PDB file of N, CA and C in Angstrom:
ATOM      1  N   MET A   1       7.191   8.489  21.134  1.00  0.00           N
ATOM      2  CA  MET A   1       6.515   7.356  21.716  1.00  0.00           C
ATOM      3  C   MET A   1       5.737   6.586  20.644  1.00  0.00           C
ATOM      4  N   ALA A   2       5.161   7.305  19.690  1.00  0.00           N
ATOM      5  CA  ALA A   2       4.424   6.626  18.624  1.00  0.00           C
ATOM      6  C   ALA A   2       5.342   5.694  17.842  1.00  0.00           C
ATOM      7  N   ASN A   3       6.590   6.096  17.632  1.00  0.00           N
ATOM      8  CA  ASN A   3       7.539   5.225  16.924  1.00  0.00           C
ATOM      9  C   ASN A   3       7.800   3.943  17.702  1.00  0.00           C
ATOM     10  N   TRP A   4       7.794   4.019  19.022  1.00  0.00           N
ATOM     11  CA  TRP A   4       7.969   2.815  19.844  1.00  0.00           C
ATOM     12  C   TRP A   4       6.803   1.861  19.636  1.00  0.00           C
ATOM     13  N   VAL A   5       5.606   2.401  19.584  1.00  0.00           N
ATOM     14  CA  VAL A   5       4.417   1.567  19.390  1.00  0.00           C
ATOM     15  C   VAL A   5       4.466   0.900  18.019  1.00  0.00           C
ATOM     16  N   ILE A   6       4.838   1.659  16.998  1.00  0.00           N
ATOM     17  CA  ILE A   6       4.945   1.099  15.639  1.00  0.00           C
ATOM     18  C   ILE A   6       6.001   0.011  15.597  1.00  0.00           C
ATOM     19  N   ALA A   7       7.169   0.260  16.204  1.00  0.00           N
ATOM     20  CA  ALA A   7       8.246  -0.740  16.214  1.00  0.00           C
ATOM     21  C   ALA A   7       7.818  -2.003  16.955  1.00  0.00           C
ATOM     22  N   ALA A   8       7.120  -1.846  18.085  1.00  0.00           N
ATOM     23  CA  ALA A   8       6.650  -3.014  18.837  1.00  0.00           C
ATOM     24  C   ALA A   8       5.676  -3.832  18.000  1.00  0.00           C
ATOM     25  N   HIS A   9       4.789  -3.155  17.273  1.00  0.00           N
ATOM     26  CA  HIS A   9       3.849  -3.868  16.402  1.00  0.00           C
ATOM     27  C   HIS A   9       4.600  -4.647  15.333  1.00  0.00           C
ATOM     28  N   GLU A  10       5.542  -3.996  14.692  1.00  0.00           N
ATOM     29  CA  GLU A  10       6.260  -4.656  13.599  1.00  0.00           C
ATOM     30  C   GLU A  10       7.110  -5.822  14.092  1.00  0.00           C
ATOM     31  N   ARG A  11       7.714  -5.686  15.255  1.00  0.00           N
ATOM     32  CA  ARG A  11       8.632  -6.718  15.756  1.00  0.00           C
ATOM     33  C   ARG A  11       7.937  -7.847  16.496  1.00  0.00           C
ATOM     34  N   TRP A  12       6.914  -7.510  17.312  1.00  0.00           N
ATOM     35  CA  TRP A  12       6.365  -8.529  18.207  1.00  0.00           C
ATOM     36  C   TRP A  12       4.877  -8.795  18.045  1.00  0.00           C
ATOM     37  N   PHE A  13       4.104  -7.799  17.664  1.00  0.00           N
ATOM     38  CA  PHE A  13       2.660  -7.970  17.698  1.00  0.00           C
ATOM     39  C   PHE A  13       2.012  -8.182  16.331  1.00  0.00           C
ATOM     40  N   GLY A  14       2.781  -8.141  15.260  1.00  0.00           N
ATOM     41  CA  GLY A  14       2.224  -8.326  13.925  1.00  0.00           C
ATOM     42  C   GLY A  14       1.517  -9.664  13.765  1.00  0.00           C
ATOM     43  N   GLU A  15       2.148 -10.728  14.240  1.00  0.00           N
ATOM     44  CA  GLU A  15       1.545 -12.066  14.126  1.00  0.00           C
ATOM     45  C   GLU A  15       0.293 -12.171  14.983  1.00  0.00           C
ATOM     46  N   LEU A  16       0.309 -11.609  16.178  1.00  0.00           N
ATOM     47  CA  LEU A  16      -0.876 -11.594  17.034  1.00  0.00           C
ATOM     48  C   LEU A  16      -2.027 -10.865  16.343  1.00  0.00           C
ATOM     49  N   PHE A  17      -1.728  -9.720  15.737  1.00  0.00           N
ATOM     50  CA  PHE A  17      -2.747  -8.968  15.014  1.00  0.00           C
ATOM     51  C   PHE A  17      -3.326  -9.799  13.866  1.00  0.00           C
ATOM     52  N   ARG A  18      -2.472 -10.486  13.104  1.00  0.00           N
ATOM     53  CA  ARG A  18      -2.948 -11.319  11.984  1.00  0.00           C
ATOM     54  C   ARG A  18      -3.858 -12.443  12.481  1.00  0.00           C
ATOM     55  N   ARG A  19      -3.487 -13.067  13.588  1.00  0.00           N
ATOM     56  CA  ARG A  19      -4.319 -14.152  14.119  1.00  0.00           C
ATOM     57  C   ARG A  19      -5.651 -13.649  14.665  1.00  0.00           C
ATOM     58  N   LEU A  20      -5.629 -12.491  15.332  1.00  0.00           N
ATOM     59  CA  LEU A  20      -6.882 -11.900  15.806  1.00  0.00           C
ATOM     60  C   LEU A  20      -7.786 -11.539  14.636  1.00  0.00           C
ATOM     61  N   ARG A  21      -7.181 -11.027  13.564  1.00  0.00           N
ATOM     62  CA  ARG A  21      -7.958 -10.679  12.370  1.00  0.00           C
ATOM     63  C   ARG A  21      -8.597 -11.926  11.764  1.00  0.00           C
ATOM     64  N   GLU A  22      -7.842 -13.020  11.681  1.00  0.00           N
ATOM     65  CA  GLU A  22      -8.394 -14.276  11.168  1.00  0.00           C
ATOM     66  C   GLU A  22      -9.569 -14.738  12.032  1.00  0.00           C
ATOM     67  N   GLU A  23      -9.407 -14.667  13.346  1.00  0.00           N
ATOM     68  CA  GLU A  23     -10.475 -15.064  14.263  1.00  0.00           C
ATOM     69  C   GLU A  23     -11.700 -14.174  14.077  1.00  0.00           C
ATOM     70  N   LEU A  24     -11.471 -12.889  13.946  1.00  0.00           N
ATOM     71  CA  LEU A  24     -12.560 -11.939  13.744  1.00  0.00           C
ATOM     72  C   LEU A  24     -13.323 -12.271  12.468  1.00  0.00           C
ATOM     73  N   LEU A  25     -12.604 -12.503  11.376  1.00  0.00           N
ATOM     74  CA  LEU A  25     -13.245 -12.756  10.090  1.00  0.00           C
ATOM     75  C   LEU A  25     -13.894 -14.137   9.997  1.00  0.00           C
ATOM     76  N   SER A  26     -13.582 -15.031  10.925  1.00  0.00           N
ATOM     77  CA  SER A  26     -14.208 -16.357  10.897  1.00  0.00           C
ATOM     78  C   SER A  26     -15.615 -16.332  11.504  1.00  0.00           C
ATOM     79  N   ASN A  27     -15.993 -15.220  12.115  1.00  0.00           N
ATOM     80  CA  ASN A  27     -17.323 -15.090  12.719  1.00  0.00           C
ATOM     81  C   ASN A  27     -18.367 -14.733  11.670  1.00  0.00           C
ATOM     82  N   GLU A  28     -19.576 -15.175  11.909  1.00  0.00           N
ATOM     83  CA  GLU A  28     -20.671 -14.921  10.978  1.00  0.00           C
ATOM     84  C   GLU A  28     -21.174 -13.474  11.063  1.00  0.00           C
ATOM     85  N   ILE A  29     -21.146 -12.896  12.259  1.00  0.00           N
ATOM     86  CA  ILE A  29     -21.656 -11.541  12.470  1.00  0.00           C
ATOM     87  C   ILE A  29     -20.538 -10.662  13.013  1.00  0.00           C
ATOM     88  N   LEU A  30     -20.355  -9.488  12.400  1.00  0.00           N
ATOM     89  CA  LEU A  30     -19.379  -8.502  12.865  1.00  0.00           C
ATOM     90  C   LEU A  30     -20.067  -7.164  13.047  1.00  0.00           C
ATOM     91  N   HIS A  31     -19.525  -6.366  13.942  1.00  0.00           N
ATOM     92  CA  HIS A  31     -19.969  -4.986  14.117  1.00  0.00           C
ATOM     93  C   HIS A  31     -18.827  -4.099  13.643  1.00  0.00           C
ATOM     94  N   ALA A  32     -19.150  -2.992  12.974  1.00  0.00           N
ATOM     95  CA  ALA A  32     -18.121  -2.075  12.488  1.00  0.00           C
ATOM     96  C   ALA A  32     -18.557  -0.643  12.733  1.00  0.00           C
ATOM     97  N   ASP A  33     -17.564   0.232  12.940  1.00  0.00           N
ATOM     98  CA  ASP A  33     -17.832   1.644  13.140  1.00  0.00           C
ATOM     99  C   ASP A  33     -16.735   2.436  12.450  1.00  0.00           C
ATOM    100  N   GLU A  34     -17.124   3.494  11.748  1.00  0.00           N
ATOM    101  CA  GLU A  34     -16.173   4.373  11.079  1.00  0.00           C
ATOM    102  C   GLU A  34     -16.145   5.705  11.817  1.00  0.00           C
ATOM    103  N   ILE A  35     -14.957   6.147  12.184  1.00  0.00           N
ATOM    104  CA  ILE A  35     -14.791   7.395  12.917  1.00  0.00           C
ATOM    105  C   ILE A  35     -13.895   8.315  12.092  1.00  0.00           C
ATOM    106  N   THR A  36     -14.317   9.562  11.912  1.00  0.00           N
ATOM    107  CA  THR A  36     -13.473  10.535  11.225  1.00  0.00           C
ATOM    108  C   THR A  36     -12.795  11.420  12.264  1.00  0.00           C
ATOM    109  N   LEU A  37     -11.575  11.828  11.958  1.00  0.00           N
ATOM    110  CA  LEU A  37     -10.842  12.706  12.842  1.00  0.00           C
ATOM    111  C   LEU A  37      -9.858  13.530  12.035  1.00  0.00           C
ATOM    112  N   THR A  38      -9.321  14.568  12.653  1.00  0.00           N
ATOM    113  CA  THR A  38      -8.338  15.418  12.002  1.00  0.00           C
ATOM    114  C   THR A  38      -6.992  15.194  12.676  1.00  0.00           C
ATOM    115  N   VAL A  39      -5.977  14.879  11.872  1.00  0.00           N
ATOM    116  CA  VAL A  39      -4.615  14.709  12.370  1.00  0.00           C
ATOM    117  C   VAL A  39      -3.851  15.962  11.970  1.00  0.00           C
ATOM    118  N   LEU A  40      -3.304  16.670  12.936  1.00  0.00           N
ATOM    119  CA  LEU A  40      -2.686  17.961  12.640  1.00  0.00           C
ATOM    120  C   LEU A  40      -1.374  17.838  11.873  1.00  0.00           C
ATOM    121  N   TRP A  41      -0.522  16.867  12.199  1.00  0.00           N
ATOM    122  CA  TRP A  41       0.762  16.726  11.521  1.00  0.00           C
ATOM    123  C   TRP A  41       0.875  15.330  10.928  1.00  0.00           C
ATOM    124  N   GLU A  42       0.501  15.204   9.682  1.00  0.00           N
ATOM    125  CA  GLU A  42       0.573  13.917   8.989  1.00  0.00           C
ATOM    126  C   GLU A  42       1.233  14.163   7.640  1.00  0.00           C
ATOM    127  N   ASP A  43       2.303  13.429   7.348  1.00  0.00           N
ATOM    128  CA  ASP A  43       3.055  13.628   6.106  1.00  0.00           C
ATOM    129  C   ASP A  43       2.157  13.526   4.884  1.00  0.00           C
ATOM    130  N   GLY A  44       2.277  14.516   3.994  1.00  0.00           N
ATOM    131  CA  GLY A  44       1.563  14.486   2.738  1.00  0.00           C
ATOM    132  C   GLY A  44       0.100  14.882   2.817  1.00  0.00           C
ATOM    133  N   ARG A  45      -0.364  15.360   3.970  1.00  0.00           N
ATOM    134  CA  ARG A  45      -1.775  15.722   4.118  1.00  0.00           C
ATOM    135  C   ARG A  45      -1.898  17.074   4.812  1.00  0.00           C
ATOM    136  N   LYS A  46      -2.917  17.805   4.441  1.00  0.00           N
ATOM    137  CA  LYS A  46      -3.208  19.065   5.108  1.00  0.00           C
ATOM    138  C   LYS A  46      -3.911  18.791   6.436  1.00  0.00           C
ATOM    139  N   ALA A  47      -3.766  19.727   7.374  1.00  0.00           N
ATOM    140  CA  ALA A  47      -4.392  19.567   8.688  1.00  0.00           C
ATOM    141  C   ALA A  47      -5.918  19.608   8.600  1.00  0.00           C
ATOM    142  N   THR A  48      -6.462  20.110   7.502  1.00  0.00           N
ATOM    143  CA  THR A  48      -7.916  20.188   7.365  1.00  0.00           C
ATOM    144  C   THR A  48      -8.523  18.927   6.755  1.00  0.00           C
ATOM    145  N   GLN A  49      -7.694  18.006   6.264  1.00  0.00           N
ATOM    146  CA  GLN A  49      -8.215  16.776   5.657  1.00  0.00           C
ATOM    147  C   GLN A  49      -8.621  15.784   6.745  1.00  0.00           C
ATOM    148  N   LYS A  50      -9.668  15.031   6.467  1.00  0.00           N
ATOM    149  CA  LYS A  50     -10.143  14.026   7.418  1.00  0.00           C
ATOM    150  C   LYS A  50      -9.321  12.739   7.302  1.00  0.00           C
ATOM    151  N   SER A  51      -9.081  12.127   8.427  1.00  0.00           N
ATOM    152  CA  SER A  51      -8.506  10.789   8.487  1.00  0.00           C
ATOM    153  C   SER A  51      -9.590   9.875   9.044  1.00  0.00           C
ATOM    154  N   TYR A  52      -9.406   8.584   8.887  1.00  0.00           N
ATOM    155  CA  TYR A  52     -10.440   7.632   9.290  1.00  0.00           C
ATOM    156  C   TYR A  52      -9.870   6.547  10.189  1.00  0.00           C
ATOM    157  N   VAL A  53     -10.702   6.084  11.110  1.00  0.00           N
ATOM    158  CA  VAL A  53     -10.414   4.919  11.937  1.00  0.00           C
ATOM    159  C   VAL A  53     -11.617   3.997  11.826  1.00  0.00           C
ATOM    160  N   TRP A  54     -11.360   2.737  11.533  1.00  0.00           N
ATOM    161  CA  TRP A  54     -12.426   1.738  11.486  1.00  0.00           C
ATOM    162  C   TRP A  54     -12.209   0.767  12.638  1.00  0.00           C
ATOM    163  N   VAL A  55     -13.278   0.497  13.369  1.00  0.00           N
ATOM    164  CA  VAL A  55     -13.228  -0.436  14.497  1.00  0.00           C
ATOM    165  C   VAL A  55     -14.155  -1.602  14.175  1.00  0.00           C
ATOM    166  N   TYR A  56     -13.639  -2.812  14.339  1.00  0.00           N
ATOM    167  CA  TYR A  56     -14.404  -4.032  14.070  1.00  0.00           C
ATOM    168  C   TYR A  56     -14.468  -4.855  15.348  1.00  0.00           C
ATOM    169  N   ARG A  57     -15.637  -5.481  15.576  1.00  0.00           N
ATOM    170  CA  ARG A  57     -15.827  -6.286  16.779  1.00  0.00           C
ATOM    171  C   ARG A  57     -16.698  -7.490  16.448  1.00  0.00           C
ATOM    172  N   THR A  58     -16.408  -8.599  17.127  1.00  0.00           N
ATOM    173  CA  THR A  58     -17.269  -9.772  16.989  1.00  0.00           C
ATOM    174  C   THR A  58     -18.580  -9.487  17.721  1.00  0.00           C
ATOM    175  N   SER A  59     -19.604 -10.265  17.427  1.00  0.00           N
ATOM    176  CA  SER A  59     -20.895 -10.062  18.097  1.00  0.00           C
ATOM    177  C   SER A  59     -20.789 -10.481  19.561  1.00  0.00           C
ATOM    178  N   GLY A  60     -21.761 -10.081  20.342  1.00  0.00           N
ATOM    179  CA  GLY A  60     -21.752 -10.348  21.778  1.00  0.00           C
ATOM    180  C   GLY A  60     -21.819 -11.816  22.148  1.00  0.00           C
ATOM    181  N   ASP A  61     -22.344 -12.661  21.256  1.00  0.00           N
ATOM    182  CA  ASP A  61     -22.460 -14.081  21.578  1.00  0.00           C
ATOM    183  C   ASP A  61     -21.292 -14.907  21.026  1.00  0.00           C
ATOM    184  N   SER A  62     -20.242 -14.254  20.601  1.00  0.00           N
ATOM    185  CA  SER A  62     -19.079 -14.951  20.063  1.00  0.00           C
ATOM    186  C   SER A  62     -18.362 -15.734  21.160  1.00  0.00           C
ATOM    187  N   GLU A  63     -17.875 -16.921  20.820  1.00  0.00           N
ATOM    188  CA  GLU A  63     -17.145 -17.737  21.787  1.00  0.00           C
ATOM    189  C   GLU A  63     -15.821 -17.087  22.178  1.00  0.00           C
ATOM    190  N   ARG A  64     -15.160 -16.460  21.197  1.00  0.00           N
ATOM    191  CA  ARG A  64     -13.882 -15.787  21.448  1.00  0.00           C
ATOM    192  C   ARG A  64     -13.982 -14.351  20.938  1.00  0.00           C
ATOM    193  N   PRO A  65     -14.388 -13.416  21.787  1.00  0.00           N
ATOM    194  CA  PRO A  65     -14.551 -12.025  21.345  1.00  0.00           C
ATOM    195  C   PRO A  65     -13.229 -11.416  20.901  1.00  0.00           C
ATOM    196  N   ALA A  66     -13.309 -10.565  19.875  1.00  0.00           N
ATOM    197  CA  ALA A  66     -12.132  -9.862  19.369  1.00  0.00           C
ATOM    198  C   ALA A  66     -12.540  -8.465  18.938  1.00  0.00           C
ATOM    199  N   VAL A  67     -11.652  -7.495  19.157  1.00  0.00           N
ATOM    200  CA  VAL A  67     -11.864  -6.115  18.730  1.00  0.00           C
ATOM    201  C   VAL A  67     -10.572  -5.650  18.069  1.00  0.00           C
ATOM    202  N   LEU A  68     -10.691  -5.103  16.859  1.00  0.00           N
ATOM    203  CA  LEU A  68      -9.527  -4.571  16.134  1.00  0.00           C
ATOM    204  C   LEU A  68      -9.870  -3.210  15.560  1.00  0.00           C
ATOM    205  N   GLN A  69      -8.841  -2.383  15.378  1.00  0.00           N
ATOM    206  CA  GLN A  69      -9.060  -1.101  14.726  1.00  0.00           C
ATOM    207  C   GLN A  69      -8.025  -0.935  13.621  1.00  0.00           C
ATOM    208  N   GLN A  70      -8.405  -0.178  12.611  1.00  0.00           N
ATOM    209  CA  GLN A  70      -7.530   0.119  11.481  1.00  0.00           C
ATOM    210  C   GLN A  70      -7.620   1.606  11.201  1.00  0.00           C
ATOM    211  N   ALA A  71      -6.489   2.264  11.149  1.00  0.00           N
ATOM    212  CA  ALA A  71      -6.467   3.707  10.888  1.00  0.00           C
ATOM    213  C   ALA A  71      -5.893   3.976   9.506  1.00  0.00           C
ATOM    214  N   VAL A  72      -6.507   4.932   8.826  1.00  0.00           N
ATOM    215  CA  VAL A  72      -6.018   5.361   7.509  1.00  0.00           C
ATOM    216  C   VAL A  72      -6.081   6.862   7.459  1.00  0.00           C
TER     217      VAL A  72
END
Protein backbone atom coordinates (compact mmCIF):
# COMPACT_ATOMS: atom_id res chain seq x y z
CA MET A 1 0.00 0.00 0.00
CA ALA A 2 2.88 2.37 0.73
CA ASN A 3 4.07 1.92 -2.87
CA TRP A 4 0.63 3.03 -4.08
CA VAL A 5 0.89 6.20 -2.02
CA ILE A 6 4.38 6.93 -3.36
CA ALA A 7 3.26 6.31 -6.96
CA ALA A 8 0.21 8.57 -6.51
CA HIS A 9 2.45 11.34 -5.17
CA GLU A 10 4.88 11.03 -8.05
CA ARG A 11 2.20 10.85 -10.75
CA TRP A 12 -0.54 13.17 -9.53
CA PHE A 13 0.22 15.03 -6.33
CA GLY A 14 3.80 16.25 -6.84
CA GLU A 15 2.70 19.54 -8.38
CA LEU A 16 0.08 20.09 -5.66
CA PHE A 17 2.75 19.51 -3.02
CA ARG A 18 5.11 22.01 -4.72
CA ARG A 19 2.38 24.67 -4.86
CA LEU A 20 1.40 24.12 -1.23
CA ARG A 21 5.06 24.42 -0.26
CA GLU A 22 5.35 27.72 -2.17
CA GLU A 23 2.23 29.01 -0.41
CA LEU A 24 3.58 27.90 2.96
CA LEU A 25 6.94 29.60 2.40
CA SER A 26 5.29 32.85 1.27
CA ASN A 27 3.95 33.38 4.81
CA GLU A 28 5.79 35.55 7.29
CA ILE A 29 5.22 33.22 10.27
CA LEU A 30 5.51 29.41 10.24
CA HIS A 31 5.20 26.78 12.93
CA ALA A 32 7.43 23.70 12.82
CA ASP A 33 7.71 20.49 14.82
CA GLU A 34 10.33 17.74 14.68
CA ILE A 35 9.25 14.22 15.61
CA THR A 36 11.63 11.28 16.04
CA LEU A 37 10.51 7.72 15.45
CA THR A 38 11.91 4.26 14.83
CA VAL A 39 11.25 2.53 11.50
CA LEU A 40 11.73 -1.21 11.85
CA TRP A 41 12.39 -2.09 8.18
CA GLU A 42 14.15 0.68 6.29
CA ASP A 43 16.79 -0.05 3.63
CA GLY A 44 20.31 0.77 4.73
CA ARG A 45 19.40 1.54 8.36
CA LYS A 46 19.32 -0.41 11.58
CA ALA A 47 16.02 -0.74 13.44
CA THR A 48 17.57 1.10 16.40
CA GLN A 49 18.39 4.26 14.40
CA LYS A 50 16.07 7.25 14.69
CA SER A 51 14.17 8.62 11.72
CA TYR A 52 12.68 12.10 11.61
CA VAL A 53 9.44 13.73 10.51
CA TRP A 54 9.15 17.50 10.24
CA VAL A 55 5.73 19.14 10.17
CA TYR A 56 5.29 22.73 8.99
CA ARG A 57 2.16 24.86 9.33
CA THR A 58 1.14 28.41 8.54
CA SER A 59 0.11 30.59 11.48
CA GLY A 60 -3.49 30.66 12.65
CA ASP A 61 -4.20 34.05 11.06
CA SER A 62 -3.06 32.99 7.58
CA GLU A 63 -5.49 33.72 4.74
CA ARG A 64 -4.79 30.31 3.17
CA PRO A 65 -3.73 27.78 5.83
CA ALA A 66 -1.37 25.00 4.77
CA VAL A 67 0.17 22.02 6.58
CA LEU A 68 2.99 19.89 5.13
CA GLN A 69 5.20 17.14 6.48
CA GLN A 70 8.59 15.86 5.38
CA ALA A 71 10.02 12.52 6.47
CA VAL A 72 13.69 11.57 6.46
